[in-house]
Amino acid sequence: GKGGFGKGGRKGGKKGGKGKGGGKKEEEWVPITKLGRLVKDGKISSLEDIYLHSHPIKEHQIVDHFYAKQKSGENPVELKDEVMKIMPVQKQTSAGQRTRFKAYIVVGDSNGHIGLGVKCSKEVATAIRSSIILAKLSLIPVRRGYWGTKLGAPHTVPCKVTGKCGSVRVRLIPAPKGTGLCGSPVSKKLLSLAGVDDCFTCSIGQTKTMGNFVKAVFQALSKTYGYLTPDLWQETRLCADPYEVHSEFLAGPKKASFE
């Protein structure tokens, strides 16, 4: 037999019981946060209402709920995920090396929303699954704008934005209509998932380190709503916070079924 590999040498054992109940349906989502309860009960109608009041999303089912609703609507919008990189990372132990797998996954709807998830796990499948959940939790709105005249739908980034991670610095520059995405395949993939049609990119540093490059582009896209451009100078009348409006509902009994 193989020696020096810990528990990996044993075969059979408890793993045989995994085949039971193969056709099991997905369990119904029982929200555990205030925001989750409001979303499931239909008190909050869109992701934009959450972003407006800066409420952190702690349950990935909230994002799934909105996209499942949009999928069945008139203009179906689907949240797609893309595996950017899976890399092995090692830790030196007394018995040798312990290898784990790190997954970088980007999710986006090509309509102004993008998220990035990074997770390390012993198995590739677990790392991918956990990264998708983290990417949904980190979903951010991407502001789009115009180059020159404001005709038609917004097609590029509203202004020059920069993102930095490690030695990699990425700059996104607005481009005229019809230019397309000018950049590396990685930045093109991220920008298309964010819903940007035309953009020039400029990067310096060790862009071969794909993890840092992806993080830098993501950070640049997250800054698009950080700049207060003149067309946003008018006073915004904020509506009441959903937690205040539905305080009576939230104070009521939680509809959780414990069997």
C-alpha atoms as a PDB file:
ATOM      1  CA  GLY A   1       0.000   0.000   0.000  1.00  0.00           C
ATOM      2  CA  LYS A   2       0.919   3.667  -0.228  1.00  0.00           C
ATOM      3  CA  GLY A   3       2.549   5.070   2.884  1.00  0.00           C
ATOM      4  CA  GLY A   4       2.990   8.608   4.185  1.00  0.00           C
ATOM      5  CA  PHE A   5      -0.212  10.027   2.756  1.00  0.00           C
ATOM      6  CA  GLY A   6      -2.364  10.173   5.887  1.00  0.00           C
ATOM      7  CA  LYS A   7      -5.928   8.923   5.552  1.00  0.00           C
ATOM      8  CA  GLY A   8      -5.780   8.827   1.773  1.00  0.00           C
ATOM      9  CA  GLY A   9      -4.566   5.198   1.733  1.00  0.00           C
ATOM     10  CA  ARG A  10      -7.869   3.740   2.961  1.00  0.00           C
ATOM     11  CA  LYS A  11     -10.389   2.676   0.343  1.00  0.00           C
ATOM     12  CA  GLY A  12     -14.100   2.017   0.716  1.00  0.00           C
ATOM     13  CA  GLY A  13     -15.321   2.621   4.250  1.00  0.00           C
ATOM     14  CA  LYS A  14     -18.051   5.222   4.818  1.00  0.00           C
ATOM     15  CA  LYS A  15     -18.048   6.588   1.264  1.00  0.00           C
ATOM     16  CA  GLY A  16     -20.357   3.829   0.033  1.00  0.00           C
ATOM     17  CA  GLY A  17     -23.473   5.448   1.511  1.00  0.00           C
ATOM     18  CA  LYS A  18     -23.397   8.509  -0.758  1.00  0.00           C
ATOM     19  CA  GLY A  19     -25.660   6.983  -3.401  1.00  0.00           C
ATOM     20  CA  LYS A  20     -28.804   7.016  -1.218  1.00  0.00           C
ATOM     21  CA  GLY A  21     -31.606   9.403  -2.138  1.00  0.00           C
ATOM     22  CA  GLY A  22     -30.168  10.459  -5.500  1.00  0.00           C
ATOM     23  CA  GLY A  23     -33.262  12.288  -6.750  1.00  0.00           C
ATOM     24  CA  LYS A  24     -33.485  14.632  -3.771  1.00  0.00           C
ATOM     25  CA  LYS A  25     -34.908  18.094  -4.464  1.00  0.00           C
ATOM     26  CA  GLU A  26     -33.211  21.298  -3.355  1.00  0.00           C
ATOM     27  CA  GLU A  27     -34.141  22.328   0.156  1.00  0.00           C
ATOM     28  CA  GLU A  28     -36.334  25.382   0.493  1.00  0.00           C
ATOM     29  CA  TRP A  29     -34.452  28.516   1.483  1.00  0.00           C
ATOM     30  CA  VAL A  30     -35.079  29.561   5.098  1.00  0.00           C
ATOM     31  CA  PRO A  31     -33.649  33.108   5.461  1.00  0.00           C
ATOM     32  CA  ILE A  32     -31.647  33.829   8.617  1.00  0.00           C
ATOM     33  CA  THR A  33     -31.034  37.582   8.169  1.00  0.00           C
ATOM     34  CA  LYS A  34     -33.481  40.498   8.213  1.00  0.00           C
ATOM     35  CA  LEU A  35     -32.645  41.288   4.604  1.00  0.00           C
ATOM     36  CA  GLY A  36     -33.267  37.674   3.574  1.00  0.00           C
ATOM     37  CA  ARG A  37     -36.693  37.685   5.230  1.00  0.00           C
ATOM     38  CA  LEU A  38     -37.689  40.905   3.450  1.00  0.00           C
ATOM     39  CA  VAL A  39     -36.485  39.600   0.067  1.00  0.00           C
ATOM     40  CA  LYS A  40     -38.223  36.227   0.367  1.00  0.00           C
ATOM     41  CA  ASP A  41     -41.497  37.897   1.412  1.00  0.00           C
ATOM     42  CA  GLY A  42     -41.337  40.248  -1.633  1.00  0.00           C
ATOM     43  CA  LYS A  43     -40.874  43.450   0.422  1.00  0.00           C
ATOM     44  CA  ILE A  44     -37.723  44.339  -1.575  1.00  0.00           C
ATOM     45  CA  SER A  45     -38.192  44.229  -5.327  1.00  0.00           C
ATOM     46  CA  SER A  46     -34.650  44.566  -6.727  1.00  0.00           C
ATOM     47  CA  LEU A  47     -30.933  44.478  -5.943  1.00  0.00           C
ATOM     48  CA  GLU A  48     -30.776  48.244  -6.515  1.00  0.00           C
ATOM     49  CA  ASP A  49     -32.950  48.826  -3.413  1.00  0.00           C
ATOM     50  CA  ILE A  50     -30.330  46.944  -1.380  1.00  0.00           C
ATOM     51  CA  TYR A  51     -27.398  48.880  -2.900  1.00  0.00           C
ATOM     52  CA  LEU A  52     -29.201  52.219  -2.367  1.00  0.00           C
ATOM     53  CA  HIS A  53     -29.252  51.710   1.400  1.00  0.00           C
ATOM     54  CA  SER A  54     -25.837  49.947   1.522  1.00  0.00           C
ATOM     55  CA  HIS A  55     -27.100  46.803   3.220  1.00  0.00           C
ATOM     56  CA  PRO A  56     -24.546  43.966   3.204  1.00  0.00           C
ATOM     57  CA  ILE A  57     -25.730  40.761   1.523  1.00  0.00           C
ATOM     58  CA  LYS A  58     -24.922  37.837   3.821  1.00  0.00           C
ATOM     59  CA  GLU A  59     -26.922  35.105   2.038  1.00  0.00           C
ATOM     60  CA  HIS A  60     -26.206  34.105  -1.560  1.00  0.00           C
ATOM     61  CA  GLN A  61     -29.828  32.952  -1.974  1.00  0.00           C
ATOM     62  CA  ILE A  62     -30.856  36.637  -2.008  1.00  0.00           C
ATOM     63  CA  VAL A  63     -29.009  37.102  -5.318  1.00  0.00           C
ATOM     64  CA  ASP A  64     -30.389  33.792  -6.669  1.00  0.00           C
ATOM     65  CA  HIS A  65     -33.930  34.902  -5.733  1.00  0.00           C
ATOM     66  CA  PHE A  66     -33.746  38.096  -7.815  1.00  0.00           C
ATOM     67  CA  TYR A  67     -32.207  36.382 -10.843  1.00  0.00           C
ATOM     68  CA  ALA A  68     -34.711  33.505 -10.716  1.00  0.00           C
ATOM     69  CA  LYS A  69     -37.464  36.146 -10.792  1.00  0.00           C
ATOM     70  CA  GLN A  70     -35.829  38.021 -13.700  1.00  0.00           C
ATOM     71  CA  LYS A  71     -35.317  34.783 -15.640  1.00  0.00           C
ATOM     72  CA  SER A  72     -39.073  34.235 -15.807  1.00  0.00           C
ATOM     73  CA  GLY A  73     -39.796  37.923 -16.646  1.00  0.00           C
ATOM     74  CA  GLU A  74     -40.100  39.690 -19.998  1.00  0.00           C
ATOM     75  CA  ASN A  75     -36.408  40.611 -20.290  1.00  0.00           C
ATOM     76  CA  PRO A  76     -34.616  37.514 -18.971  1.00  0.00           C
ATOM     77  CA  VAL A  77     -31.275  38.297 -17.324  1.00  0.00           C
ATOM     78  CA  GLU A  78     -29.114  35.373 -16.274  1.00  0.00           C
ATOM     79  CA  LEU A  79     -26.223  35.380 -13.846  1.00  0.00           C
ATOM     80  CA  LYS A  80     -23.314  33.572 -15.521  1.00  0.00           C
ATOM     81  CA  ASP A  81     -20.192  32.312 -13.791  1.00  0.00           C
ATOM     82  CA  GLU A  82     -16.735  31.958 -15.287  1.00  0.00           C
ATOM     83  CA  VAL A  83     -13.762  30.075 -13.814  1.00  0.00           C
ATOM     84  CA  MET A  84     -10.812  32.436 -14.295  1.00  0.00           C
ATOM     85  CA  LYS A  85      -8.098  30.320 -12.694  1.00  0.00           C
ATOM     86  CA  ILE A  86      -7.555  27.247 -10.530  1.00  0.00           C
ATOM     87  CA  MET A  87      -4.099  27.106  -9.005  1.00  0.00           C
ATOM     88  CA  PRO A  88      -2.511  24.669  -6.565  1.00  0.00           C
ATOM     89  CA  VAL A  89      -1.027  26.188  -3.406  1.00  0.00           C
ATOM     90  CA  GLN A  90       1.227  24.273  -1.009  1.00  0.00           C
ATOM     91  CA  LYS A  91       2.075  24.387   2.658  1.00  0.00           C
ATOM     92  CA  GLN A  92       5.208  22.731   3.986  1.00  0.00           C
ATOM     93  CA  THR A  93       4.465  20.300   6.815  1.00  0.00           C
ATOM     94  CA  SER A  94       6.542  17.781   8.775  1.00  0.00           C
ATOM     95  CA  ALA A  95       5.202  14.984   6.538  1.00  0.00           C
ATOM     96  CA  GLY A  96       5.915  16.817   3.271  1.00  0.00           C
ATOM     97  CA  GLN A  97       3.675  19.254   1.402  1.00  0.00           C
ATOM     98  CA  ARG A  98      -0.032  19.779   1.810  1.00  0.00           C
ATOM     99  CA  THR A  99      -1.565  20.802  -1.523  1.00  0.00           C
ATOM    100  CA  ARG A 100      -4.833  22.709  -1.775  1.00  0.00           C
ATOM    101  CA  PHE A 101      -6.567  24.320  -4.756  1.00  0.00           C
ATOM    102  CA  LYS A 102      -7.403  27.989  -5.046  1.00  0.00           C
ATOM    103  CA  ALA A 103     -10.230  29.000  -7.399  1.00  0.00           C
ATOM    104  CA  TYR A 104     -10.860  32.472  -8.844  1.00  0.00           C
ATOM    105  CA  ILE A 105     -14.433  32.768 -10.145  1.00  0.00           C
ATOM    106  CA  VAL A 106     -16.247  35.762 -11.628  1.00  0.00           C
ATOM    107  CA  VAL A 107     -20.040  36.030 -11.856  1.00  0.00           C
ATOM    108  CA  GLY A 108     -21.886  38.630 -13.931  1.00  0.00           C
ATOM    109  CA  ASP A 109     -25.128  39.264 -15.789  1.00  0.00           C
ATOM    110  CA  SER A 110     -23.691  41.411 -18.651  1.00  0.00           C
ATOM    111  CA  ASN A 111     -26.084  44.096 -17.425  1.00  0.00           C
ATOM    112  CA  GLY A 112     -24.185  46.159 -14.861  1.00  0.00           C
ATOM    113  CA  HIS A 113     -23.457  43.616 -12.097  1.00  0.00           C
ATOM    114  CA  ILE A 114     -20.272  41.666 -11.392  1.00  0.00           C
ATOM    115  CA  GLY A 115     -18.832  39.701  -8.468  1.00  0.00           C
ATOM    116  CA  LEU A 116     -15.514  38.025  -7.689  1.00  0.00           C
ATOM    117  CA  GLY A 117     -14.999  35.035  -5.404  1.00  0.00           C
ATOM    118  CA  VAL A 118     -11.707  33.462  -4.284  1.00  0.00           C
ATOM    119  CA  LYS A 119     -11.622  30.276  -2.217  1.00  0.00           C
ATOM    120  CA  CYS A 120      -9.064  27.646  -1.283  1.00  0.00           C
ATOM    121  CA  SER A 121     -10.016  24.029  -0.628  1.00  0.00           C
ATOM    122  CA  LYS A 122      -8.638  20.500  -0.612  1.00  0.00           C
ATOM    123  CA  GLU A 123     -10.836  19.543  -3.577  1.00  0.00           C
ATOM    124  CA  VAL A 124     -11.299  21.478  -6.825  1.00  0.00           C
ATOM    125  CA  ALA A 125     -15.091  21.004  -6.882  1.00  0.00           C
ATOM    126  CA  THR A 126     -15.479  22.352  -3.324  1.00  0.00           C
ATOM    127  CA  ALA A 127     -13.248  25.344  -4.122  1.00  0.00           C
ATOM    128  CA  ILE A 128     -15.348  26.181  -7.215  1.00  0.00           C
ATOM    129  CA  ARG A 129     -18.650  25.791  -5.356  1.00  0.00           C
ATOM    130  CA  SER A 130     -17.512  28.003  -2.462  1.00  0.00           C
ATOM    131  CA  SER A 131     -16.032  30.600  -4.854  1.00  0.00           C
ATOM    132  CA  ILE A 132     -19.354  30.932  -6.693  1.00  0.00           C
ATOM    133  CA  ILE A 133     -21.126  31.587  -3.373  1.00  0.00           C
ATOM    134  CA  LEU A 134     -18.518  34.206  -2.375  1.00  0.00           C
ATOM    135  CA  ALA A 135     -18.747  35.832  -5.819  1.00  0.00           C
ATOM    136  CA  LYS A 136     -22.529  36.191  -5.422  1.00  0.00           C
ATOM    137  CA  LEU A 137     -22.063  37.743  -1.978  1.00  0.00           C
ATOM    138  CA  SER A 138     -19.573  40.274  -3.399  1.00  0.00           C
ATOM    139  CA  LEU A 139     -21.829  41.237  -6.343  1.00  0.00           C
ATOM    140  CA  ILE A 140     -21.453  44.976  -7.053  1.00  0.00           C
ATOM    141  CA  PRO A 141     -23.205  47.412  -9.406  1.00  0.00           C
ATOM    142  CA  VAL A 142     -21.097  48.730 -12.304  1.00  0.00           C
ATOM    143  CA  ARG A 143     -21.870  52.208 -13.567  1.00  0.00           C
ATOM    144  CA  ARG A 144     -21.753  52.637 -17.327  1.00  0.00           C
ATOM    145  CA  GLY A 145     -21.570  55.877 -19.277  1.00  0.00           C
ATOM    146  CA  TYR A 146     -20.920  57.470 -22.669  1.00  0.00           C
ATOM    147  CA  TRP A 147     -18.010  58.627 -24.760  1.00  0.00           C
ATOM    148  CA  GLY A 148     -19.034  61.927 -26.360  1.00  0.00           C
ATOM    149  CA  THR A 149     -22.718  62.241 -27.220  1.00  0.00           C
ATOM    150  CA  LYS A 150     -25.330  60.619 -25.004  1.00  0.00           C
ATOM    151  CA  LEU A 151     -27.200  58.673 -27.667  1.00  0.00           C
ATOM    152  CA  GLY A 152     -28.692  55.249 -27.032  1.00  0.00           C
ATOM    153  CA  ALA A 153     -27.843  53.048 -24.079  1.00  0.00           C
ATOM    154  CA  PRO A 154     -24.670  53.571 -21.980  1.00  0.00           C
ATOM    155  CA  HIS A 155     -21.857  51.546 -23.555  1.00  0.00           C
ATOM    156  CA  THR A 156     -18.542  52.304 -21.798  1.00  0.00           C
ATOM    157  CA  VAL A 157     -17.123  53.242 -18.387  1.00  0.00           C
ATOM    158  CA  PRO A 158     -18.219  56.751 -17.243  1.00  0.00           C
ATOM    159  CA  CYS A 159     -14.666  58.010 -16.602  1.00  0.00           C
ATOM    160  CA  LYS A 160     -11.075  56.785 -16.291  1.00  0.00           C
ATOM    161  CA  VAL A 161     -10.802  54.393 -13.342  1.00  0.00           C
ATOM    162  CA  THR A 162      -7.831  52.567 -11.850  1.00  0.00           C
ATOM    163  CA  GLY A 163      -7.567  49.383  -9.800  1.00  0.00           C
ATOM    164  CA  LYS A 164      -4.503  47.998  -8.067  1.00  0.00           C
ATOM    165  CA  CYS A 165      -3.580  44.655  -6.515  1.00  0.00           C
ATOM    166  CA  GLY A 166      -0.033  43.603  -5.732  1.00  0.00           C
ATOM    167  CA  SER A 167       2.202  44.998  -8.462  1.00  0.00           C
ATOM    168  CA  VAL A 168      -0.608  45.001 -11.057  1.00  0.00           C
ATOM    169  CA  ARG A 169      -2.254  48.309 -11.889  1.00  0.00           C
ATOM    170  CA  VAL A 170      -5.117  48.375 -14.398  1.00  0.00           C
ATOM    171  CA  ARG A 171      -6.627  51.499 -15.939  1.00  0.00           C
ATOM    172  CA  LEU A 172      -9.972  51.498 -17.754  1.00  0.00           C
ATOM    173  CA  ILE A 173     -10.465  54.331 -20.261  1.00  0.00           C
ATOM    174  CA  PRO A 174     -13.771  55.251 -21.979  1.00  0.00           C
ATOM    175  CA  ALA A 175     -13.904  54.424 -25.696  1.00  0.00           C
ATOM    176  CA  PRO A 176     -16.155  55.512 -28.610  1.00  0.00           C
ATOM    177  CA  LYS A 177     -19.047  53.306 -29.744  1.00  0.00           C
ATOM    178  CA  GLY A 178     -17.975  50.423 -31.948  1.00  0.00           C
ATOM    179  CA  THR A 179     -14.459  50.219 -30.514  1.00  0.00           C
ATOM    180  CA  GLY A 180     -15.112  46.984 -28.639  1.00  0.00           C
ATOM    181  CA  LEU A 181     -13.032  45.820 -25.700  1.00  0.00           C
ATOM    182  CA  CYS A 182      -9.318  46.485 -26.161  1.00  0.00           C
ATOM    183  CA  GLY A 183      -7.324  44.429 -23.696  1.00  0.00           C
ATOM    184  CA  SER A 184      -6.138  40.987 -22.670  1.00  0.00           C
ATOM    185  CA  PRO A 185      -8.546  38.013 -22.774  1.00  0.00           C
ATOM    186  CA  VAL A 186      -8.905  38.178 -18.956  1.00  0.00           C
ATOM    187  CA  SER A 187      -9.934  41.838 -18.838  1.00  0.00           C
ATOM    188  CA  LYS A 188     -12.219  41.337 -21.869  1.00  0.00           C
ATOM    189  CA  LYS A 189     -14.031  38.517 -20.058  1.00  0.00           C
ATOM    190  CA  LEU A 190     -14.556  40.602 -16.911  1.00  0.00           C
ATOM    191  CA  LEU A 191     -15.710  43.695 -18.803  1.00  0.00           C
ATOM    192  CA  SER A 192     -18.177  41.718 -20.929  1.00  0.00           C
ATOM    193  CA  LEU A 193     -19.630  40.059 -17.802  1.00  0.00           C
ATOM    194  CA  ALA A 194     -20.001  43.546 -16.290  1.00  0.00           C
ATOM    195  CA  GLY A 195     -21.921  44.735 -19.358  1.00  0.00           C
ATOM    196  CA  VAL A 196     -19.304  47.153 -20.757  1.00  0.00           C
ATOM    197  CA  ASP A 197     -19.273  47.116 -24.587  1.00  0.00           C
ATOM    198  CA  ASP A 198     -16.455  49.558 -25.463  1.00  0.00           C
ATOM    199  CA  CYS A 199     -13.354  50.204 -23.378  1.00  0.00           C
ATOM    200  CA  PHE A 200      -9.611  50.801 -23.667  1.00  0.00           C
ATOM    201  CA  THR A 201      -7.437  49.154 -20.997  1.00  0.00           C
ATOM    202  CA  CYS A 202      -3.921  49.932 -19.848  1.00  0.00           C
ATOM    203  CA  SER A 203      -2.003  47.791 -17.367  1.00  0.00           C
ATOM    204  CA  ILE A 204       1.432  47.763 -15.760  1.00  0.00           C
ATOM    205  CA  GLY A 205       3.076  45.285 -13.402  1.00  0.00           C
ATOM    206  CA  GLN A 206       3.222  41.500 -13.302  1.00  0.00           C
ATOM    207  CA  THR A 207      -0.055  40.851 -15.149  1.00  0.00           C
ATOM    208  CA  LYS A 208       0.971  37.208 -15.588  1.00  0.00           C
ATOM    209  CA  THR A 209      -0.131  36.769 -11.946  1.00  0.00           C
ATOM    210  CA  MET A 210      -3.725  36.277 -13.008  1.00  0.00           C
ATOM    211  CA  GLY A 211      -5.194  36.357  -9.490  1.00  0.00           C
ATOM    212  CA  ASN A 212      -3.921  39.892  -8.869  1.00  0.00           C
ATOM    213  CA  PHE A 213      -4.846  40.983 -12.404  1.00  0.00           C
ATOM    214  CA  VAL A 214      -8.465  39.822 -11.960  1.00  0.00           C
ATOM    215  CA  LYS A 215      -8.660  41.561  -8.564  1.00  0.00           C
ATOM    216  CA  ALA A 216      -7.263  44.800 -10.035  1.00  0.00           C
ATOM    217  CA  VAL A 217      -9.857  44.875 -12.874  1.00  0.00           C
ATOM    218  CA  PHE A 218     -12.626  44.099 -10.376  1.00  0.00           C
ATOM    219  CA  GLN A 219     -11.460  46.922  -8.098  1.00  0.00           C
ATOM    220  CA  ALA A 220     -11.410  49.346 -11.040  1.00  0.00           C
ATOM    221  CA  LEU A 221     -14.999  48.385 -11.981  1.00  0.00           C
ATOM    222  CA  SER A 222     -16.118  48.812  -8.356  1.00  0.00           C
ATOM    223  CA  LYS A 223     -14.834  52.420  -8.417  1.00  0.00           C
ATOM    224  CA  THR A 224     -17.201  53.443 -11.250  1.00  0.00           C
ATOM    225  CA  TYR A 225     -19.893  54.407  -8.712  1.00  0.00           C
ATOM    226  CA  GLY A 226     -17.273  56.052  -6.455  1.00  0.00           C
ATOM    227  CA  TYR A 227     -16.880  59.213  -8.545  1.00  0.00           C
ATOM    228  CA  LEU A 228     -19.449  61.977  -8.179  1.00  0.00           C
ATOM    229  CA  THR A 229     -19.703  63.261 -11.759  1.00  0.00           C
ATOM    230  CA  PRO A 230     -21.598  66.533 -12.518  1.00  0.00           C
ATOM    231  CA  ASP A 231     -24.708  64.684 -13.733  1.00  0.00           C
ATOM    232  CA  LEU A 232     -25.083  63.249 -10.203  1.00  0.00           C
ATOM    233  CA  TRP A 233     -24.841  66.629  -8.440  1.00  0.00           C
ATOM    234  CA  GLN A 234     -28.573  67.083  -8.091  1.00  0.00           C
ATOM    235  CA  GLU A 235     -29.930  66.268  -4.655  1.00  0.00           C
ATOM    236  CA  THR A 236     -31.066  62.676  -4.187  1.00  0.00           C
ATOM    237  CA  ARG A 237     -34.210  62.248  -2.161  1.00  0.00           C
ATOM    238  CA  LEU A 238     -33.689  59.051  -0.267  1.00  0.00           C
ATOM    239  CA  CYS A 239     -36.720  56.946   0.528  1.00  0.00           C
ATOM    240  CA  ALA A 240     -37.089  55.347   3.945  1.00  0.00           C
ATOM    241  CA  ASP A 241     -34.897  52.404   4.838  1.00  0.00           C
ATOM    242  CA  PRO A 242     -36.622  49.026   4.211  1.00  0.00           C
ATOM    243  CA  TYR A 243     -35.773  47.974   7.791  1.00  0.00           C
ATOM    244  CA  GLU A 244     -37.757  50.978   9.099  1.00  0.00           C
ATOM    245  CA  VAL A 245     -40.673  50.628   6.677  1.00  0.00           C
ATOM    246  CA  HIS A 246     -41.150  46.935   7.458  1.00  0.00           C
ATOM    247  CA  SER A 247     -40.147  47.064  11.143  1.00  0.00           C
ATOM    248  CA  GLU A 248     -43.479  45.527  12.226  1.00  0.00           C
ATOM    249  CA  PHE A 249     -42.994  42.598   9.827  1.00  0.00           C
ATOM    250  CA  LEU A 250     -39.421  42.037  11.076  1.00  0.00           C
ATOM    251  CA  ALA A 251     -40.548  42.231  14.724  1.00  0.00           C
ATOM    252  CA  GLY A 252     -43.124  39.497  14.095  1.00  0.00           C
ATOM    253  CA  PRO A 253     -42.500  35.756  14.436  1.00  0.00           C
ATOM    254  CA  LYS A 254     -39.939  34.173  12.109  1.00  0.00           C
ATOM    255  CA  LYS A 255     -41.442  31.678   9.666  1.00  0.00           C
ATOM    256  CA  ALA A 256     -38.825  29.009  10.261  1.00  0.00           C
ATOM    257  CA  SER A 257     -39.901  25.392  10.400  1.00  0.00           C
ATOM    258  CA  PHE A 258     -37.883  23.270  12.790  1.00  0.00           C
ATOM    259  CA  GLU A 259     -38.754  19.595  12.709  1.00  0.00           C
END
